[in-house]
Amino acid sequence: MRKIQNIFAVMIVVLFSTTAFAGDAAKFYVEDPANRNTVTFKSSAPLEDIVGTTNQITGYLNFNPDNPTEGGQGQLTVPVASLNTGIPMRDEHLRSANWLNAEKYSDIILNISSITKAELVKEMDNSKTFDLTTAGDFTLHGITKQINFTARVTYLEETEMTKMRLPGNLLAVRTEFSVPLDDFNITGPENMKIIGAKIGENIDIEVSLFASTSSPAMAQKK
């Protein structure tokens, strides 16, 4: 009888431990050795349209596919020096003190402090897709502003197919938002009035990335 009680007690401990673990947000690392994650930025103005990209995006995302609004947070970082518009001289101008000042403000950082709303839009055997509303802050040119934006996130349990992308469980993230240059004191060369004529007053940003529960070191071994 005592043995049965002990076995029952162990089963209860294991059950509650497993349940508690399942309810925690998992950490997903944003670092693809193949540089397939992409940030695209677009400027539209009467005299010129500019499109630039970078594949150098790193960070982490905490996410619970069973309860997305619980413990959701993260940080994404992009080096200013990695921004590429396809014209080397224009890239030099972009990084200069007149614009983003890469020497003084080396990184662009998006902090996600919470997921305020989550809607399940699709569920399959090994995946769940959500439309999320998030809150956080965005740091550019040494200035930090609060930001709210939406994202479509798909959680994928590890399968032979997903391992072709990265090992571990994955998050596929797609989001876009707009950044007003005036909010970040980006004015361009003094008295030239470029913003509004050749550079848009707002820069549209699109992010497309995969994150993995496997550490970057494990992904390197893939």
C-alpha atoms as a PDB file:
ATOM      1  CA  MET A   1       0.000   0.000   0.000  1.00  0.00           C
ATOM      2  CA  ARG A   2       2.802   2.393   0.901  1.00  0.00           C
ATOM      3  CA  LYS A   3       4.535   1.612  -2.396  1.00  0.00           C
ATOM      4  CA  ILE A   4       1.375   2.468  -4.332  1.00  0.00           C
ATOM      5  CA  GLN A   5       1.064   5.766  -2.450  1.00  0.00           C
ATOM      6  CA  ASN A   6       4.678   6.626  -3.286  1.00  0.00           C
ATOM      7  CA  ILE A   7       4.145   5.867  -6.962  1.00  0.00           C
ATOM      8  CA  PHE A   8       0.976   7.998  -6.965  1.00  0.00           C
ATOM      9  CA  ALA A   9       2.852  10.876  -5.317  1.00  0.00           C
ATOM     10  CA  VAL A  10       5.608  10.708  -7.927  1.00  0.00           C
ATOM     11  CA  MET A  11       3.010  10.747 -10.716  1.00  0.00           C
ATOM     12  CA  ILE A  12       1.387  13.859  -9.242  1.00  0.00           C
ATOM     13  CA  VAL A  13       4.757  15.652  -9.015  1.00  0.00           C
ATOM     14  CA  VAL A  14       5.644  14.741 -12.604  1.00  0.00           C
ATOM     15  CA  LEU A  15       2.210  15.799 -13.852  1.00  0.00           C
ATOM     16  CA  PHE A  16       2.335  19.212 -12.222  1.00  0.00           C
ATOM     17  CA  SER A  17       5.970  19.749 -13.179  1.00  0.00           C
ATOM     18  CA  THR A  18       5.210  18.973 -16.806  1.00  0.00           C
ATOM     19  CA  THR A  19       2.161  21.223 -16.769  1.00  0.00           C
ATOM     20  CA  ALA A  20       4.139  24.100 -15.295  1.00  0.00           C
ATOM     21  CA  PHE A  21       6.874  23.660 -17.891  1.00  0.00           C
ATOM     22  CA  ALA A  22       4.353  23.541 -20.726  1.00  0.00           C
ATOM     23  CA  GLY A  23       2.890  26.829 -19.567  1.00  0.00           C
ATOM     24  CA  ASP A  24       6.191  28.701 -19.762  1.00  0.00           C
ATOM     25  CA  ALA A  25       7.258  30.832 -22.710  1.00  0.00           C
ATOM     26  CA  ALA A  26      10.095  29.214 -24.642  1.00  0.00           C
ATOM     27  CA  LYS A  27      13.127  31.183 -25.796  1.00  0.00           C
ATOM     28  CA  PHE A  28      13.637  31.374 -29.550  1.00  0.00           C
ATOM     29  CA  TYR A  29      17.007  32.589 -30.828  1.00  0.00           C
ATOM     30  CA  VAL A  30      17.112  34.944 -33.810  1.00  0.00           C
ATOM     31  CA  GLU A  31      20.355  34.095 -35.560  1.00  0.00           C
ATOM     32  CA  ASP A  32      20.415  32.304 -38.904  1.00  0.00           C
ATOM     33  CA  PRO A  33      23.901  31.143 -40.028  1.00  0.00           C
ATOM     34  CA  ALA A  34      22.694  31.300 -43.638  1.00  0.00           C
ATOM     35  CA  ASN A  35      21.593  34.973 -43.264  1.00  0.00           C
ATOM     36  CA  ARG A  36      18.081  34.353 -44.599  1.00  0.00           C
ATOM     37  CA  ASN A  37      16.328  36.635 -42.100  1.00  0.00           C
ATOM     38  CA  THR A  38      15.541  39.970 -43.689  1.00  0.00           C
ATOM     39  CA  VAL A  39      14.676  43.532 -42.710  1.00  0.00           C
ATOM     40  CA  THR A  40      13.537  45.755 -45.575  1.00  0.00           C
ATOM     41  CA  PHE A  41      13.142  49.521 -45.317  1.00  0.00           C
ATOM     42  CA  LYS A  42      11.400  51.720 -47.863  1.00  0.00           C
ATOM     43  CA  SER A  43      11.395  55.471 -48.397  1.00  0.00           C
ATOM     44  CA  SER A  44       8.900  57.027 -50.801  1.00  0.00           C
ATOM     45  CA  ALA A  45       9.270  60.688 -51.805  1.00  0.00           C
ATOM     46  CA  PRO A  46       8.363  62.822 -54.859  1.00  0.00           C
ATOM     47  CA  LEU A  47      11.912  62.841 -56.255  1.00  0.00           C
ATOM     48  CA  GLU A  48      13.094  59.356 -55.323  1.00  0.00           C
ATOM     49  CA  ASP A  49      12.047  55.987 -53.954  1.00  0.00           C
ATOM     50  CA  ILE A  50      14.637  54.044 -51.952  1.00  0.00           C
ATOM     51  CA  VAL A  51      14.560  50.405 -50.878  1.00  0.00           C
ATOM     52  CA  GLY A  52      17.198  48.932 -48.597  1.00  0.00           C
ATOM     53  CA  THR A  53      17.768  45.660 -46.772  1.00  0.00           C
ATOM     54  CA  THR A  54      19.859  43.906 -44.178  1.00  0.00           C
ATOM     55  CA  ASN A  55      20.215  40.252 -43.269  1.00  0.00           C
ATOM     56  CA  GLN A  56      22.096  40.962 -40.056  1.00  0.00           C
ATOM     57  CA  ILE A  57      19.357  40.681 -37.465  1.00  0.00           C
ATOM     58  CA  THR A  58      19.971  39.020 -34.107  1.00  0.00           C
ATOM     59  CA  GLY A  59      18.223  38.683 -30.770  1.00  0.00           C
ATOM     60  CA  TYR A  60      15.628  36.493 -29.103  1.00  0.00           C
ATOM     61  CA  LEU A  61      11.880  36.055 -28.726  1.00  0.00           C
ATOM     62  CA  ASN A  62      10.050  34.515 -25.759  1.00  0.00           C
ATOM     63  CA  PHE A  63       6.810  32.899 -26.884  1.00  0.00           C
ATOM     64  CA  ASN A  64       4.265  30.421 -25.527  1.00  0.00           C
ATOM     65  CA  PRO A  65       2.175  28.854 -28.321  1.00  0.00           C
ATOM     66  CA  ASP A  66      -0.356  27.606 -25.770  1.00  0.00           C
ATOM     67  CA  ASN A  67      -0.868  31.085 -24.273  1.00  0.00           C
ATOM     68  CA  PRO A  68       0.752  33.764 -26.476  1.00  0.00           C
ATOM     69  CA  THR A  69      -0.093  36.737 -24.239  1.00  0.00           C
ATOM     70  CA  GLU A  70       1.680  35.129 -21.263  1.00  0.00           C
ATOM     71  CA  GLY A  71       5.387  35.995 -21.061  1.00  0.00           C
ATOM     72  CA  GLY A  72       5.747  37.187 -24.648  1.00  0.00           C
ATOM     73  CA  GLN A  73       8.736  39.483 -25.056  1.00  0.00           C
ATOM     74  CA  GLY A  74      11.978  39.843 -26.969  1.00  0.00           C
ATOM     75  CA  GLN A  75      14.649  42.002 -28.512  1.00  0.00           C
ATOM     76  CA  LEU A  76      15.856  42.378 -32.101  1.00  0.00           C
ATOM     77  CA  THR A  77      19.035  44.223 -33.061  1.00  0.00           C
ATOM     78  CA  VAL A  78      20.254  45.429 -36.460  1.00  0.00           C
ATOM     79  CA  PRO A  79      23.677  47.100 -36.956  1.00  0.00           C
ATOM     80  CA  VAL A  80      23.346  50.423 -38.784  1.00  0.00           C
ATOM     81  CA  ALA A  81      26.504  49.584 -40.728  1.00  0.00           C
ATOM     82  CA  SER A  82      24.743  46.574 -42.285  1.00  0.00           C
ATOM     83  CA  LEU A  83      22.035  48.620 -44.064  1.00  0.00           C
ATOM     84  CA  ASN A  84      22.369  48.274 -47.827  1.00  0.00           C
ATOM     85  CA  THR A  85      20.500  50.347 -50.427  1.00  0.00           C
ATOM     86  CA  GLY A  86      22.394  48.976 -53.420  1.00  0.00           C
ATOM     87  CA  ILE A  87      24.464  52.136 -53.970  1.00  0.00           C
ATOM     88  CA  PRO A  88      27.714  52.256 -51.931  1.00  0.00           C
ATOM     89  CA  MET A  89      27.940  56.061 -51.857  1.00  0.00           C
ATOM     90  CA  ARG A  90      24.354  56.364 -50.659  1.00  0.00           C
ATOM     91  CA  ASP A  91      25.069  53.770 -47.970  1.00  0.00           C
ATOM     92  CA  GLU A  92      28.016  55.883 -46.785  1.00  0.00           C
ATOM     93  CA  HIS A  93      25.735  58.914 -46.559  1.00  0.00           C
ATOM     94  CA  LEU A  94      23.135  56.868 -44.650  1.00  0.00           C
ATOM     95  CA  ARG A  95      25.729  55.888 -42.033  1.00  0.00           C
ATOM     96  CA  SER A  96      27.192  59.384 -41.742  1.00  0.00           C
ATOM     97  CA  ALA A  97      26.671  61.897 -38.926  1.00  0.00           C
ATOM     98  CA  ASN A  98      24.163  63.767 -41.113  1.00  0.00           C
ATOM     99  CA  TRP A  99      21.829  60.774 -41.092  1.00  0.00           C
ATOM    100  CA  LEU A 100      21.927  57.693 -38.842  1.00  0.00           C
ATOM    101  CA  ASN A 101      25.424  58.315 -37.413  1.00  0.00           C
ATOM    102  CA  ALA A 102      26.528  54.680 -37.268  1.00  0.00           C
ATOM    103  CA  GLU A 103      29.731  55.594 -35.431  1.00  0.00           C
ATOM    104  CA  LYS A 104      27.840  57.089 -32.487  1.00  0.00           C
ATOM    105  CA  TYR A 105      24.608  55.047 -32.629  1.00  0.00           C
ATOM    106  CA  SER A 106      25.734  51.668 -33.910  1.00  0.00           C
ATOM    107  CA  ASP A 107      22.520  49.656 -33.507  1.00  0.00           C
ATOM    108  CA  ILE A 108      18.814  49.867 -34.232  1.00  0.00           C
ATOM    109  CA  ILE A 109      16.919  48.006 -31.509  1.00  0.00           C
ATOM    110  CA  LEU A 110      13.344  46.796 -31.244  1.00  0.00           C
ATOM    111  CA  ASN A 111      12.320  45.737 -27.734  1.00  0.00           C
ATOM    112  CA  ILE A 112       9.077  43.804 -27.330  1.00  0.00           C
ATOM    113  CA  SER A 113       7.754  44.159 -23.789  1.00  0.00           C
ATOM    114  CA  SER A 114       4.442  42.311 -24.128  1.00  0.00           C
ATOM    115  CA  ILE A 115       1.912  40.681 -26.416  1.00  0.00           C
ATOM    116  CA  THR A 116      -1.354  42.458 -25.697  1.00  0.00           C
ATOM    117  CA  LYS A 117      -3.633  40.495 -28.028  1.00  0.00           C
ATOM    118  CA  ALA A 118      -3.447  37.150 -29.823  1.00  0.00           C
ATOM    119  CA  GLU A 119      -5.859  35.621 -32.333  1.00  0.00           C
ATOM    120  CA  LEU A 120      -5.404  32.035 -33.510  1.00  0.00           C
ATOM    121  CA  VAL A 121      -5.965  32.089 -37.275  1.00  0.00           C
ATOM    122  CA  LYS A 122      -4.828  28.585 -38.248  1.00  0.00           C
ATOM    123  CA  GLU A 123      -3.912  25.343 -36.500  1.00  0.00           C
ATOM    124  CA  MET A 124      -2.484  22.153 -37.985  1.00  0.00           C
ATOM    125  CA  ASP A 125      -0.931  19.013 -36.500  1.00  0.00           C
ATOM    126  CA  ASN A 126       2.499  20.569 -35.918  1.00  0.00           C
ATOM    127  CA  SER A 127       1.877  24.288 -36.213  1.00  0.00           C
ATOM    128  CA  LYS A 128      -0.172  27.242 -35.009  1.00  0.00           C
ATOM    129  CA  THR A 129      -0.497  30.644 -36.672  1.00  0.00           C
ATOM    130  CA  PHE A 130      -1.446  33.752 -34.714  1.00  0.00           C
ATOM    131  CA  ASP A 131      -2.114  37.409 -35.434  1.00  0.00           C
ATOM    132  CA  LEU A 132      -0.514  39.308 -32.561  1.00  0.00           C
ATOM    133  CA  THR A 133      -0.644  42.856 -31.250  1.00  0.00           C
ATOM    134  CA  THR A 134       2.508  43.810 -29.397  1.00  0.00           C
ATOM    135  CA  ALA A 135       3.834  46.671 -27.294  1.00  0.00           C
ATOM    136  CA  GLY A 136       7.426  47.753 -26.876  1.00  0.00           C
ATOM    137  CA  ASP A 137       9.921  50.419 -27.815  1.00  0.00           C
ATOM    138  CA  PHE A 138      12.087  51.241 -30.817  1.00  0.00           C
ATOM    139  CA  THR A 139      15.549  52.785 -30.578  1.00  0.00           C
ATOM    140  CA  LEU A 140      17.040  54.639 -33.542  1.00  0.00           C
ATOM    141  CA  HIS A 141      19.615  57.435 -33.725  1.00  0.00           C
ATOM    142  CA  GLY A 142      20.023  57.320 -29.948  1.00  0.00           C
ATOM    143  CA  ILE A 143      16.334  58.015 -29.293  1.00  0.00           C
ATOM    144  CA  THR A 144      13.823  55.511 -27.903  1.00  0.00           C
ATOM    145  CA  LYS A 145      10.095  55.727 -28.582  1.00  0.00           C
ATOM    146  CA  GLN A 146       7.185  53.522 -27.568  1.00  0.00           C
ATOM    147  CA  ILE A 147       5.743  51.443 -30.375  1.00  0.00           C
ATOM    148  CA  ASN A 148       2.740  49.201 -30.934  1.00  0.00           C
ATOM    149  CA  PHE A 149       2.568  46.958 -33.969  1.00  0.00           C
ATOM    150  CA  THR A 150       0.945  43.799 -35.297  1.00  0.00           C
ATOM    151  CA  ALA A 151       2.680  40.618 -36.409  1.00  0.00           C
ATOM    152  CA  ARG A 152       1.769  37.274 -37.911  1.00  0.00           C
ATOM    153  CA  VAL A 153       3.604  34.497 -36.093  1.00  0.00           C
ATOM    154  CA  THR A 154       3.631  30.791 -36.910  1.00  0.00           C
ATOM    155  CA  TYR A 155       4.877  28.293 -34.350  1.00  0.00           C
ATOM    156  CA  LEU A 156       6.264  25.080 -35.874  1.00  0.00           C
ATOM    157  CA  GLU A 157       7.214  22.011 -33.911  1.00  0.00           C
ATOM    158  CA  GLU A 158      10.437  20.414 -35.100  1.00  0.00           C
ATOM    159  CA  THR A 159      10.003  17.961 -37.985  1.00  0.00           C
ATOM    160  CA  GLU A 160      12.311  16.597 -40.646  1.00  0.00           C
ATOM    161  CA  MET A 161      11.076  19.371 -42.931  1.00  0.00           C
ATOM    162  CA  THR A 162      11.604  22.243 -40.464  1.00  0.00           C
ATOM    163  CA  LYS A 163      15.124  20.972 -39.719  1.00  0.00           C
ATOM    164  CA  MET A 164      15.983  21.839 -43.314  1.00  0.00           C
ATOM    165  CA  ARG A 165      15.598  25.475 -42.224  1.00  0.00           C
ATOM    166  CA  LEU A 166      16.908  25.327 -38.642  1.00  0.00           C
ATOM    167  CA  PRO A 167      17.031  22.752 -35.836  1.00  0.00           C
ATOM    168  CA  GLY A 168      14.591  23.014 -32.929  1.00  0.00           C
ATOM    169  CA  ASN A 169      11.035  24.312 -32.733  1.00  0.00           C
ATOM    170  CA  LEU A 170      10.632  27.405 -34.892  1.00  0.00           C
ATOM    171  CA  LEU A 171       8.852  30.742 -34.991  1.00  0.00           C
ATOM    172  CA  ALA A 172       8.194  32.329 -38.373  1.00  0.00           C
ATOM    173  CA  VAL A 173       7.585  36.056 -37.870  1.00  0.00           C
ATOM    174  CA  ARG A 174       6.268  38.620 -40.341  1.00  0.00           C
ATOM    175  CA  THR A 175       5.626  42.217 -39.351  1.00  0.00           C
ATOM    176  CA  GLU A 176       5.680  45.739 -40.719  1.00  0.00           C
ATOM    177  CA  PHE A 177       5.493  49.202 -39.205  1.00  0.00           C
ATOM    178  CA  SER A 178       6.310  52.813 -40.029  1.00  0.00           C
ATOM    179  CA  VAL A 179       8.972  55.032 -38.450  1.00  0.00           C
ATOM    180  CA  PRO A 180       8.563  58.865 -38.578  1.00  0.00           C
ATOM    181  CA  LEU A 181      12.071  60.327 -39.013  1.00  0.00           C
ATOM    182  CA  ASP A 182      11.125  63.487 -37.128  1.00  0.00           C
ATOM    183  CA  ASP A 183      10.454  61.434 -33.976  1.00  0.00           C
ATOM    184  CA  PHE A 184      14.089  60.345 -33.999  1.00  0.00           C
ATOM    185  CA  ASN A 185      15.627  63.732 -34.848  1.00  0.00           C
ATOM    186  CA  ILE A 186      16.802  62.587 -38.269  1.00  0.00           C
ATOM    187  CA  THR A 187      16.846  65.681 -40.476  1.00  0.00           C
ATOM    188  CA  GLY A 188      19.620  65.167 -43.023  1.00  0.00           C
ATOM    189  CA  PRO A 189      22.197  67.826 -43.947  1.00  0.00           C
ATOM    190  CA  GLU A 190      21.340  71.229 -42.495  1.00  0.00           C
ATOM    191  CA  ASN A 191      19.293  73.595 -44.678  1.00  0.00           C
ATOM    192  CA  MET A 192      19.065  71.130 -47.596  1.00  0.00           C
ATOM    193  CA  LYS A 193      15.414  70.162 -47.015  1.00  0.00           C
ATOM    194  CA  ILE A 194      15.935  66.657 -48.374  1.00  0.00           C
ATOM    195  CA  ILE A 195      13.308  65.020 -46.184  1.00  0.00           C
ATOM    196  CA  GLY A 196       9.946  65.275 -47.880  1.00  0.00           C
ATOM    197  CA  ALA A 197      11.567  65.781 -51.298  1.00  0.00           C
ATOM    198  CA  LYS A 198      14.089  62.943 -51.795  1.00  0.00           C
ATOM    199  CA  ILE A 199      13.593  61.063 -48.530  1.00  0.00           C
ATOM    200  CA  GLY A 200      10.163  60.154 -47.186  1.00  0.00           C
ATOM    201  CA  GLU A 201       9.044  61.623 -43.883  1.00  0.00           C
ATOM    202  CA  ASN A 202       8.141  58.097 -42.780  1.00  0.00           C
ATOM    203  CA  ILE A 203      10.188  54.961 -43.397  1.00  0.00           C
ATOM    204  CA  ASP A 204       8.261  51.721 -43.861  1.00  0.00           C
ATOM    205  CA  ILE A 205       9.920  48.695 -42.287  1.00  0.00           C
ATOM    206  CA  GLU A 206       9.187  45.042 -43.024  1.00  0.00           C
ATOM    207  CA  VAL A 207      10.644  42.159 -41.015  1.00  0.00           C
ATOM    208  CA  SER A 208      10.690  38.521 -42.089  1.00  0.00           C
ATOM    209  CA  LEU A 209      12.542  36.062 -39.868  1.00  0.00           C
ATOM    210  CA  PHE A 210      12.757  32.603 -38.380  1.00  0.00           C
ATOM    211  CA  ALA A 211      13.764  31.984 -34.777  1.00  0.00           C
ATOM    212  CA  SER A 212      14.684  28.642 -33.210  1.00  0.00           C
ATOM    213  CA  THR A 213      14.677  27.101 -29.742  1.00  0.00           C
ATOM    214  CA  SER A 214      18.082  25.652 -30.603  1.00  0.00           C
ATOM    215  CA  SER A 215      20.989  27.869 -29.630  1.00  0.00           C
ATOM    216  CA  PRO A 216      22.997  29.609 -32.392  1.00  0.00           C
ATOM    217  CA  ALA A 217      25.847  27.175 -31.728  1.00  0.00           C
ATOM    218  CA  MET A 218      23.568  24.237 -32.517  1.00  0.00           C
ATOM    219  CA  ALA A 219      22.306  25.955 -35.665  1.00  0.00           C
ATOM    220  CA  GLN A 220      25.912  26.353 -36.825  1.00  0.00           C
ATOM    221  CA  LYS A 221      26.299  22.576 -36.696  1.00  0.00           C
ATOM    222  CA  LYS A 222      23.324  21.998 -38.993  1.00  0.00           C
END
